[in-house]
Amino acid sequence: DGKSTSSNFITQFNTVLDRLSIKYSGTPIFVILPFNGAKRSEITTCVNSRSNVYLIDTVKWGVDTTDGVHPNQAGGITAGNKTADYITSILGKNYFI
C-alpha cells in the first residue's frame, strides 16, 4: 500500500472500512496511523468522514521499530499499551467488562 497512489489508496481503504462497518455493524472501529506516518493524509480523510470510526495518531508515541515501520518487542509493548489507553479513553473501562 505504500506504493499505491493517493487516489487508489483512498478508494481501497474506504472499501475496507465499508466492509468492516457492514460486517461489524455498531462496533467501534479504531484505525492506527502507521508509525512512520505513511499515508497519514489519506487515512485521516477516510476516517474523518465516518461515525463510529476513530483515528489513533501514533506520531508522538516513540515506538521502537525494527525497520522504521514495524515495532520491535519493546515497541509492540508500547504500542499495545498506548492503543489500549486510547480505546479506553473513548469507550470507557466498563465497555470491556
N, C-alpha and C. Protein backbone atom coordinates (compact mmCIF):
# COMPACT_ATOMS: atom_id res chain seq x y z
N ASP A 1 0.81 -1.20 0.00
CA ASP A 1 0.00 0.00 0.00
C ASP A 1 0.85 1.26 0.00
N GLY A 2 2.09 1.17 0.41
CA GLY A 2 2.97 2.33 0.41
C GLY A 2 3.25 2.87 -0.97
N LYS A 3 3.20 2.01 -1.97
CA LYS A 3 3.48 2.43 -3.34
C LYS A 3 2.21 2.83 -4.10
N SER A 4 1.08 2.67 -3.48
CA SER A 4 -0.20 3.00 -4.11
C SER A 4 -0.35 4.51 -4.27
N THR A 5 -1.03 4.91 -5.33
CA THR A 5 -1.32 6.33 -5.49
C THR A 5 -2.29 6.78 -4.40
N SER A 6 -2.31 8.05 -4.12
CA SER A 6 -3.20 8.59 -3.10
C SER A 6 -4.66 8.26 -3.40
N SER A 7 -5.06 8.47 -4.63
CA SER A 7 -6.44 8.21 -5.04
C SER A 7 -6.81 6.73 -4.88
N ASN A 8 -5.93 5.85 -5.34
CA ASN A 8 -6.20 4.42 -5.25
C ASN A 8 -6.24 3.97 -3.79
N PHE A 9 -5.34 4.49 -2.98
CA PHE A 9 -5.31 4.14 -1.56
C PHE A 9 -6.62 4.52 -0.89
N ILE A 10 -7.08 5.74 -1.13
CA ILE A 10 -8.33 6.21 -0.52
C ILE A 10 -9.50 5.33 -0.94
N THR A 11 -9.58 5.01 -2.21
CA THR A 11 -10.66 4.14 -2.71
C THR A 11 -10.63 2.79 -2.02
N GLN A 12 -9.47 2.18 -1.97
CA GLN A 12 -9.34 0.84 -1.39
C GLN A 12 -9.53 0.85 0.13
N PHE A 13 -9.00 1.87 0.80
CA PHE A 13 -9.15 1.95 2.25
C PHE A 13 -10.61 2.18 2.62
N ASN A 14 -11.31 3.02 1.87
CA ASN A 14 -12.73 3.21 2.11
C ASN A 14 -13.51 1.92 1.90
N THR A 15 -13.11 1.12 0.93
CA THR A 15 -13.75 -0.18 0.70
C THR A 15 -13.59 -1.08 1.93
N VAL A 16 -12.39 -1.11 2.48
CA VAL A 16 -12.14 -1.91 3.69
C VAL A 16 -13.01 -1.41 4.85
N LEU A 17 -13.03 -0.10 5.06
CA LEU A 17 -13.84 0.46 6.14
C LEU A 17 -15.32 0.19 5.93
N ASP A 18 -15.78 0.27 4.69
CA ASP A 18 -17.19 -0.05 4.39
C ASP A 18 -17.50 -1.48 4.78
N ARG A 19 -16.65 -2.40 4.37
CA ARG A 19 -16.88 -3.83 4.66
C ARG A 19 -16.87 -4.10 6.16
N LEU A 20 -15.92 -3.50 6.87
CA LEU A 20 -15.87 -3.69 8.32
C LEU A 20 -17.12 -3.12 8.99
N SER A 21 -17.55 -1.94 8.53
CA SER A 21 -18.73 -1.30 9.12
C SER A 21 -20.00 -2.11 8.89
N ILE A 22 -20.07 -2.78 7.76
CA ILE A 22 -21.24 -3.63 7.48
C ILE A 22 -21.16 -4.92 8.28
N LYS A 23 -20.03 -5.59 8.22
CA LYS A 23 -19.88 -6.89 8.89
C LYS A 23 -20.00 -6.76 10.41
N TYR A 24 -19.46 -5.68 10.96
CA TYR A 24 -19.47 -5.48 12.40
C TYR A 24 -20.29 -4.25 12.77
N SER A 25 -21.47 -4.17 12.22
CA SER A 25 -22.35 -3.03 12.40
C SER A 25 -22.50 -2.68 13.88
N GLY A 26 -22.32 -1.40 14.17
CA GLY A 26 -22.47 -0.92 15.54
C GLY A 26 -21.22 -1.06 16.40
N THR A 27 -20.22 -1.74 15.89
CA THR A 27 -18.98 -1.93 16.65
C THR A 27 -18.01 -0.80 16.32
N PRO A 28 -17.44 -0.17 17.34
CA PRO A 28 -16.45 0.88 17.07
C PRO A 28 -15.25 0.30 16.31
N ILE A 29 -14.74 1.06 15.38
CA ILE A 29 -13.56 0.67 14.60
C ILE A 29 -12.46 1.67 14.90
N PHE A 30 -11.29 1.16 15.23
CA PHE A 30 -10.14 2.00 15.53
C PHE A 30 -9.09 1.79 14.46
N VAL A 31 -8.63 2.88 13.89
CA VAL A 31 -7.61 2.85 12.84
C VAL A 31 -6.35 3.49 13.39
N ILE A 32 -5.26 2.74 13.36
CA ILE A 32 -3.98 3.23 13.87
C ILE A 32 -3.14 3.75 12.70
N LEU A 33 -2.70 4.99 12.81
CA LEU A 33 -1.81 5.53 11.78
C LEU A 33 -0.47 4.79 11.82
N PRO A 34 0.12 4.53 10.67
CA PRO A 34 1.43 3.87 10.64
C PRO A 34 2.45 4.69 11.45
N PHE A 35 3.37 3.98 12.08
CA PHE A 35 4.36 4.63 12.95
C PHE A 35 5.29 5.56 12.17
N ASN A 36 5.45 5.33 10.88
CA ASN A 36 6.31 6.20 10.07
C ASN A 36 5.52 7.33 9.41
N GLY A 37 4.21 7.41 9.68
CA GLY A 37 3.38 8.49 9.15
C GLY A 37 2.93 8.30 7.72
N ALA A 38 3.22 7.14 7.13
CA ALA A 38 2.83 6.89 5.73
C ALA A 38 1.31 6.99 5.55
N LYS A 39 0.92 7.62 4.47
CA LYS A 39 -0.49 7.75 4.08
C LYS A 39 -1.34 8.45 5.15
N ARG A 40 -0.71 9.27 5.98
CA ARG A 40 -1.41 9.97 7.05
C ARG A 40 -2.61 10.77 6.53
N SER A 41 -2.38 11.56 5.50
CA SER A 41 -3.43 12.41 4.95
C SER A 41 -4.58 11.58 4.40
N GLU A 42 -4.25 10.54 3.67
CA GLU A 42 -5.28 9.69 3.05
C GLU A 42 -6.10 8.97 4.12
N ILE A 43 -5.43 8.41 5.11
CA ILE A 43 -6.14 7.68 6.17
C ILE A 43 -7.02 8.63 6.95
N THR A 44 -6.50 9.80 7.28
CA THR A 44 -7.27 10.80 8.02
C THR A 44 -8.52 11.20 7.24
N THR A 45 -8.37 11.39 5.94
CA THR A 45 -9.52 11.73 5.09
C THR A 45 -10.59 10.65 5.16
N CYS A 46 -10.19 9.40 5.09
CA CYS A 46 -11.15 8.29 5.11
C CYS A 46 -11.86 8.18 6.46
N VAL A 47 -11.12 8.34 7.53
CA VAL A 47 -11.69 8.15 8.87
C VAL A 47 -12.56 9.33 9.28
N ASN A 48 -12.14 10.55 8.96
CA ASN A 48 -12.86 11.74 9.43
C ASN A 48 -14.27 11.86 8.86
N SER A 49 -14.55 11.17 7.77
CA SER A 49 -15.87 11.27 7.17
C SER A 49 -16.84 10.21 7.71
N ARG A 50 -16.45 9.50 8.75
CA ARG A 50 -17.27 8.39 9.24
C ARG A 50 -17.61 8.55 10.72
N SER A 51 -18.74 7.96 11.08
CA SER A 51 -19.08 7.90 12.50
C SER A 51 -18.69 6.52 13.03
N ASN A 52 -18.40 6.45 14.29
CA ASN A 52 -18.04 5.20 14.96
C ASN A 52 -16.71 4.62 14.47
N VAL A 53 -15.91 5.45 13.79
CA VAL A 53 -14.56 5.08 13.37
C VAL A 53 -13.62 6.12 13.96
N TYR A 54 -12.60 5.65 14.66
CA TYR A 54 -11.72 6.53 15.40
C TYR A 54 -10.28 6.39 14.89
N LEU A 55 -9.61 7.52 14.80
CA LEU A 55 -8.24 7.55 14.34
C LEU A 55 -7.29 7.63 15.53
N ILE A 56 -6.36 6.71 15.59
CA ILE A 56 -5.35 6.70 16.65
C ILE A 56 -4.06 7.24 16.05
N ASP A 57 -3.67 8.43 16.50
CA ASP A 57 -2.46 9.08 15.99
C ASP A 57 -1.27 8.60 16.80
N THR A 58 -0.29 8.03 16.12
CA THR A 58 0.87 7.44 16.78
C THR A 58 2.11 8.31 16.70
N VAL A 59 1.98 9.51 16.17
CA VAL A 59 3.15 10.34 15.84
C VAL A 59 4.04 10.63 17.04
N LYS A 60 3.49 10.77 18.21
CA LYS A 60 4.30 11.13 19.38
C LYS A 60 4.55 9.94 20.31
N TRP A 61 4.30 8.75 19.84
CA TRP A 61 4.42 7.58 20.70
C TRP A 61 5.86 7.15 20.96
N GLY A 62 6.77 7.42 20.06
CA GLY A 62 8.15 7.00 20.25
C GLY A 62 8.32 5.49 20.26
N VAL A 63 7.63 4.81 19.36
CA VAL A 63 7.68 3.35 19.30
C VAL A 63 8.99 2.90 18.65
N ASP A 64 9.70 2.01 19.32
CA ASP A 64 10.91 1.42 18.75
C ASP A 64 10.51 0.43 17.66
N THR A 65 11.20 0.52 16.53
CA THR A 65 10.87 -0.36 15.41
C THR A 65 12.08 -1.16 14.95
N THR A 66 11.82 -2.16 14.13
CA THR A 66 12.89 -2.95 13.54
C THR A 66 13.39 -2.33 12.26
N ASP A 67 12.52 -1.56 11.60
CA ASP A 67 12.84 -1.04 10.27
C ASP A 67 12.24 0.33 9.98
N GLY A 68 11.84 1.03 11.02
CA GLY A 68 11.21 2.33 10.83
C GLY A 68 9.71 2.24 10.65
N VAL A 69 9.19 1.02 10.51
CA VAL A 69 7.76 0.82 10.30
C VAL A 69 7.18 -0.16 11.32
N HIS A 70 7.79 -1.31 11.47
CA HIS A 70 7.25 -2.39 12.29
C HIS A 70 7.87 -2.38 13.68
N PRO A 71 7.04 -2.40 14.73
CA PRO A 71 7.56 -2.35 16.10
C PRO A 71 8.42 -3.58 16.42
N ASN A 72 9.49 -3.34 17.20
CA ASN A 72 10.21 -4.47 17.77
C ASN A 72 9.46 -4.88 19.03
N GLN A 73 10.04 -5.77 19.83
CA GLN A 73 9.32 -6.27 21.00
C GLN A 73 8.95 -5.14 21.96
N ALA A 74 9.90 -4.28 22.27
CA ALA A 74 9.62 -3.16 23.18
C ALA A 74 8.61 -2.20 22.56
N GLY A 75 8.76 -1.95 21.26
CA GLY A 75 7.81 -1.07 20.56
C GLY A 75 6.41 -1.64 20.54
N GLY A 76 6.31 -2.95 20.43
CA GLY A 76 5.00 -3.61 20.45
C GLY A 76 4.30 -3.43 21.79
N ILE A 77 5.07 -3.52 22.85
CA ILE A 77 4.50 -3.32 24.19
C ILE A 77 4.03 -1.87 24.35
N THR A 78 4.88 -0.94 23.92
CA THR A 78 4.50 0.49 23.97
C THR A 78 3.23 0.74 23.16
N ALA A 79 3.22 0.25 21.93
CA ALA A 79 2.06 0.45 21.05
C ALA A 79 0.80 -0.18 21.63
N GLY A 80 0.94 -1.38 22.16
CA GLY A 80 -0.22 -2.05 22.76
C GLY A 80 -0.79 -1.28 23.93
N ASN A 81 0.08 -0.81 24.80
CA ASN A 81 -0.39 -0.04 25.97
C ASN A 81 -1.03 1.27 25.56
N LYS A 82 -0.42 1.97 24.63
CA LYS A 82 -0.98 3.25 24.19
C LYS A 82 -2.29 3.06 23.43
N THR A 83 -2.38 1.99 22.64
CA THR A 83 -3.63 1.69 21.94
C THR A 83 -4.74 1.39 22.94
N ALA A 84 -4.43 0.56 23.93
CA ALA A 84 -5.43 0.23 24.96
C ALA A 84 -5.88 1.48 25.71
N ASP A 85 -4.93 2.35 26.04
CA ASP A 85 -5.27 3.60 26.74
C ASP A 85 -6.20 4.46 25.89
N TYR A 86 -5.92 4.55 24.59
CA TYR A 86 -6.75 5.38 23.72
C TYR A 86 -8.16 4.78 23.60
N ILE A 87 -8.25 3.49 23.38
CA ILE A 87 -9.56 2.85 23.24
C ILE A 87 -10.37 3.03 24.53
N THR A 88 -9.72 2.85 25.66
CA THR A 88 -10.40 3.03 26.94
C THR A 88 -10.86 4.47 27.13
N SER A 89 -10.07 5.43 26.64
CA SER A 89 -10.47 6.84 26.77
C SER A 89 -11.72 7.15 25.95
N ILE A 90 -11.93 6.41 24.88
CA ILE A 90 -13.12 6.62 24.04
C ILE A 90 -14.31 5.82 24.56
N LEU A 91 -14.10 4.56 24.86
CA LEU A 91 -15.21 3.66 25.22
C LEU A 91 -15.45 3.53 26.71
N GLY A 92 -14.46 3.88 27.52
CA GLY A 92 -14.56 3.73 28.97
C GLY A 92 -14.21 2.31 29.38
N LYS A 93 -13.77 2.16 30.61
CA LYS A 93 -13.36 0.85 31.13
C LYS A 93 -14.52 -0.12 31.20
N ASN A 94 -15.71 0.35 31.44
CA ASN A 94 -16.87 -0.53 31.57
C ASN A 94 -17.23 -1.23 30.27
N TYR A 95 -16.79 -0.70 29.15
CA TYR A 95 -17.07 -1.33 27.86
C TYR A 95 -16.51 -2.75 27.80
N PHE A 96 -15.42 -2.99 28.51
CA PHE A 96 -14.72 -4.26 28.44
C PHE A 96 -15.13 -5.25 29.54
N ILE A 97 -16.07 -4.87 30.36
CA ILE A 97 -16.49 -5.75 31.45
C ILE A 97 -17.66 -6.60 31.01
